Amino acid sequence: MLKRVIQMYLYCKMTIDTKHQYALMVLHESGATWLVDFTMDPVEITNTLSTLKSRDQPPECDLGQMFDMVADKVVLPHVNDPLTEMPSHIVRVIFLYAR
């Protein structure tokens, strides 16, 4: 069900603006792994989602590794005055967790 929700979200966002970009990573016991780098093609994300299998819940995961990988990959837009100036783009991390 989660895969279907993600697919619907991607296609809805693409109808709003075709310049949206998405990436896919998984978090597991030994760390985070990029599955799909940033792309504007929702088909690439949904095809990768369809190959994922359910796994047992690991005893613990380090969310810090995930945020470190995102910080290394994403260059945040520079603004001179964040109170009055809008950035050129917005970066969002959407974390989905299912038990």
C-alpha atoms as a PDB file:
ATOM      1  CA  MET A   1       0.000   0.000   0.000  1.00  0.00           C
ATOM      2  CA  LEU A   2       2.855   2.378   0.823  1.00  0.00           C
ATOM      3  CA  LYS A   3       4.306   1.911  -2.672  1.00  0.00           C
ATOM      4  CA  ARG A   4       0.990   2.883  -4.225  1.00  0.00           C
ATOM      5  CA  VAL A   5       0.712   6.000  -2.031  1.00  0.00           C
ATOM      6  CA  ILE A   6       4.208   7.116  -3.063  1.00  0.00           C
ATOM      7  CA  GLN A   7       3.362   6.550  -6.712  1.00  0.00           C
ATOM      8  CA  MET A   8       0.191   8.659  -6.443  1.00  0.00           C
ATOM      9  CA  TYR A   9       2.127  11.408  -4.629  1.00  0.00           C
ATOM     10  CA  LEU A  10       4.799  11.545  -7.347  1.00  0.00           C
ATOM     11  CA  TYR A  11       2.314  11.796 -10.170  1.00  0.00           C
ATOM     12  CA  CYS A  12       0.241  14.443  -8.373  1.00  0.00           C
ATOM     13  CA  LYS A  13       3.345  16.555  -7.720  1.00  0.00           C
ATOM     14  CA  MET A  14       4.424  16.197 -11.358  1.00  0.00           C
ATOM     15  CA  THR A  15       1.093  17.582 -12.543  1.00  0.00           C
ATOM     16  CA  ILE A  16       1.713  20.667 -10.397  1.00  0.00           C
ATOM     17  CA  ASP A  17       5.263  21.271 -11.673  1.00  0.00           C
ATOM     18  CA  THR A  18       7.282  19.065 -14.016  1.00  0.00           C
ATOM     19  CA  LYS A  19      10.559  20.427 -12.600  1.00  0.00           C
ATOM     20  CA  HIS A  20      10.162  18.604  -9.281  1.00  0.00           C
ATOM     21  CA  GLN A  21      12.969  16.143  -8.624  1.00  0.00           C
ATOM     22  CA  TYR A  22      12.892  13.039  -6.457  1.00  0.00           C
ATOM     23  CA  ALA A  23      15.388  10.556  -5.130  1.00  0.00           C
ATOM     24  CA  LEU A  24      14.919   7.290  -3.308  1.00  0.00           C
ATOM     25  CA  MET A  25      16.952   5.875  -0.474  1.00  0.00           C
ATOM     26  CA  VAL A  26      16.415   3.095   2.016  1.00  0.00           C
ATOM     27  CA  LEU A  27      17.521   2.926   5.600  1.00  0.00           C
ATOM     28  CA  HIS A  28      18.652  -0.378   7.030  1.00  0.00           C
ATOM     29  CA  GLU A  29      20.620  -1.667   9.968  1.00  0.00           C
ATOM     30  CA  SER A  30      24.018  -1.067   8.369  1.00  0.00           C
ATOM     31  CA  GLY A  31      23.178   2.427   7.096  1.00  0.00           C
ATOM     32  CA  ALA A  32      21.432   4.280   4.310  1.00  0.00           C
ATOM     33  CA  THR A  33      21.660   3.448   0.611  1.00  0.00           C
ATOM     34  CA  TRP A  34      20.752   5.558  -2.423  1.00  0.00           C
ATOM     35  CA  LEU A  35      18.586   3.540  -4.768  1.00  0.00           C
ATOM     36  CA  VAL A  36      17.733   6.267  -7.277  1.00  0.00           C
ATOM     37  CA  ASP A  37      19.566   9.568  -7.581  1.00  0.00           C
ATOM     38  CA  PHE A  38      17.615  12.788  -8.140  1.00  0.00           C
ATOM     39  CA  THR A  39      15.425  12.558 -11.215  1.00  0.00           C
ATOM     40  CA  MET A  40      12.410  14.287 -12.718  1.00  0.00           C
ATOM     41  CA  ASP A  41      11.130  10.927 -14.005  1.00  0.00           C
ATOM     42  CA  PRO A  42       8.565   9.407 -11.613  1.00  0.00           C
ATOM     43  CA  VAL A  43       8.636   6.161 -13.615  1.00  0.00           C
ATOM     44  CA  GLU A  44      12.214   5.540 -12.508  1.00  0.00           C
ATOM     45  CA  ILE A  45      11.192   5.885  -8.864  1.00  0.00           C
ATOM     46  CA  THR A  46       8.050   3.752  -9.205  1.00  0.00           C
ATOM     47  CA  ASN A  47       9.924   1.011 -11.096  1.00  0.00           C
ATOM     48  CA  THR A  48      12.497   0.842  -8.310  1.00  0.00           C
ATOM     49  CA  LEU A  49       9.745   0.835  -5.687  1.00  0.00           C
ATOM     50  CA  SER A  50       8.140  -2.158  -7.369  1.00  0.00           C
ATOM     51  CA  THR A  51      11.360  -4.165  -6.931  1.00  0.00           C
ATOM     52  CA  LEU A  52      11.598  -3.546  -3.168  1.00  0.00           C
ATOM     53  CA  LYS A  53      10.663  -6.357  -0.813  1.00  0.00           C
ATOM     54  CA  SER A  54       9.526  -6.132   2.780  1.00  0.00           C
ATOM     55  CA  ARG A  55      12.215  -6.775   5.359  1.00  0.00           C
ATOM     56  CA  ASP A  56      12.154  -7.556   9.022  1.00  0.00           C
ATOM     57  CA  GLN A  57      12.481  -4.513  11.201  1.00  0.00           C
ATOM     58  CA  PRO A  58      16.108  -4.098  12.277  1.00  0.00           C
ATOM     59  CA  PRO A  59      16.710  -3.638  16.008  1.00  0.00           C
ATOM     60  CA  GLU A  60      17.978  -0.101  15.392  1.00  0.00           C
ATOM     61  CA  CYS A  61      18.781   2.325  12.573  1.00  0.00           C
ATOM     62  CA  ASP A  62      20.907   5.452  12.518  1.00  0.00           C
ATOM     63  CA  LEU A  63      18.864   8.294  10.988  1.00  0.00           C
ATOM     64  CA  GLY A  64      21.947  10.496  11.147  1.00  0.00           C
ATOM     65  CA  GLN A  65      23.533   8.573   8.262  1.00  0.00           C
ATOM     66  CA  MET A  66      20.512   9.312   6.100  1.00  0.00           C
ATOM     67  CA  PHE A  67      20.678  13.049   6.802  1.00  0.00           C
ATOM     68  CA  ASP A  68      24.450  13.074   6.250  1.00  0.00           C
ATOM     69  CA  MET A  69      23.992  11.470   2.820  1.00  0.00           C
ATOM     70  CA  VAL A  70      21.310  13.992   1.884  1.00  0.00           C
ATOM     71  CA  ALA A  71      23.517  16.884   3.044  1.00  0.00           C
ATOM     72  CA  ASP A  72      26.416  15.562   0.926  1.00  0.00           C
ATOM     73  CA  LYS A  73      24.210  15.225  -2.174  1.00  0.00           C
ATOM     74  CA  VAL A  74      22.083  18.379  -1.991  1.00  0.00           C
ATOM     75  CA  VAL A  75      23.361  21.914  -2.384  1.00  0.00           C
ATOM     76  CA  LEU A  76      21.042  24.274  -0.579  1.00  0.00           C
ATOM     77  CA  PRO A  77      20.247  27.550  -2.345  1.00  0.00           C
ATOM     78  CA  HIS A  78      22.025  30.637  -1.035  1.00  0.00           C
ATOM     79  CA  VAL A  79      20.016  33.687  -0.023  1.00  0.00           C
ATOM     80  CA  ASN A  80      21.479  36.936   1.273  1.00  0.00           C
ATOM     81  CA  ASP A  81      18.606  37.725   3.633  1.00  0.00           C
ATOM     82  CA  PRO A  82      16.389  34.735   4.479  1.00  0.00           C
ATOM     83  CA  LEU A  83      13.781  36.998   6.087  1.00  0.00           C
ATOM     84  CA  THR A  84      13.039  38.920   2.877  1.00  0.00           C
ATOM     85  CA  GLU A  85      14.410  36.846   0.002  1.00  0.00           C
ATOM     86  CA  MET A  86      12.931  33.592  -1.349  1.00  0.00           C
ATOM     87  CA  PRO A  87      15.370  30.790  -2.279  1.00  0.00           C
ATOM     88  CA  SER A  88      15.511  29.601  -5.890  1.00  0.00           C
ATOM     89  CA  HIS A  89      14.264  26.171  -4.846  1.00  0.00           C
ATOM     90  CA  ILE A  90      13.158  24.229  -1.789  1.00  0.00           C
ATOM     91  CA  VAL A  91      14.558  20.920  -0.600  1.00  0.00           C
ATOM     92  CA  ARG A  92      12.291  18.579   1.365  1.00  0.00           C
ATOM     93  CA  VAL A  93      13.059  15.217   2.875  1.00  0.00           C
ATOM     94  CA  ILE A  94      10.013  13.024   3.251  1.00  0.00           C
ATOM     95  CA  PHE A  95      10.641  10.145   5.613  1.00  0.00           C
ATOM     96  CA  LEU A  96       8.253   7.195   5.381  1.00  0.00           C
ATOM     97  CA  TYR A  97       8.320   4.634   8.131  1.00  0.00           C
ATOM     98  CA  ALA A  98       6.182   1.537   8.316  1.00  0.00           C
ATOM     99  CA  ARG A  99       6.213  -1.231  10.887  1.00  0.00           C
END
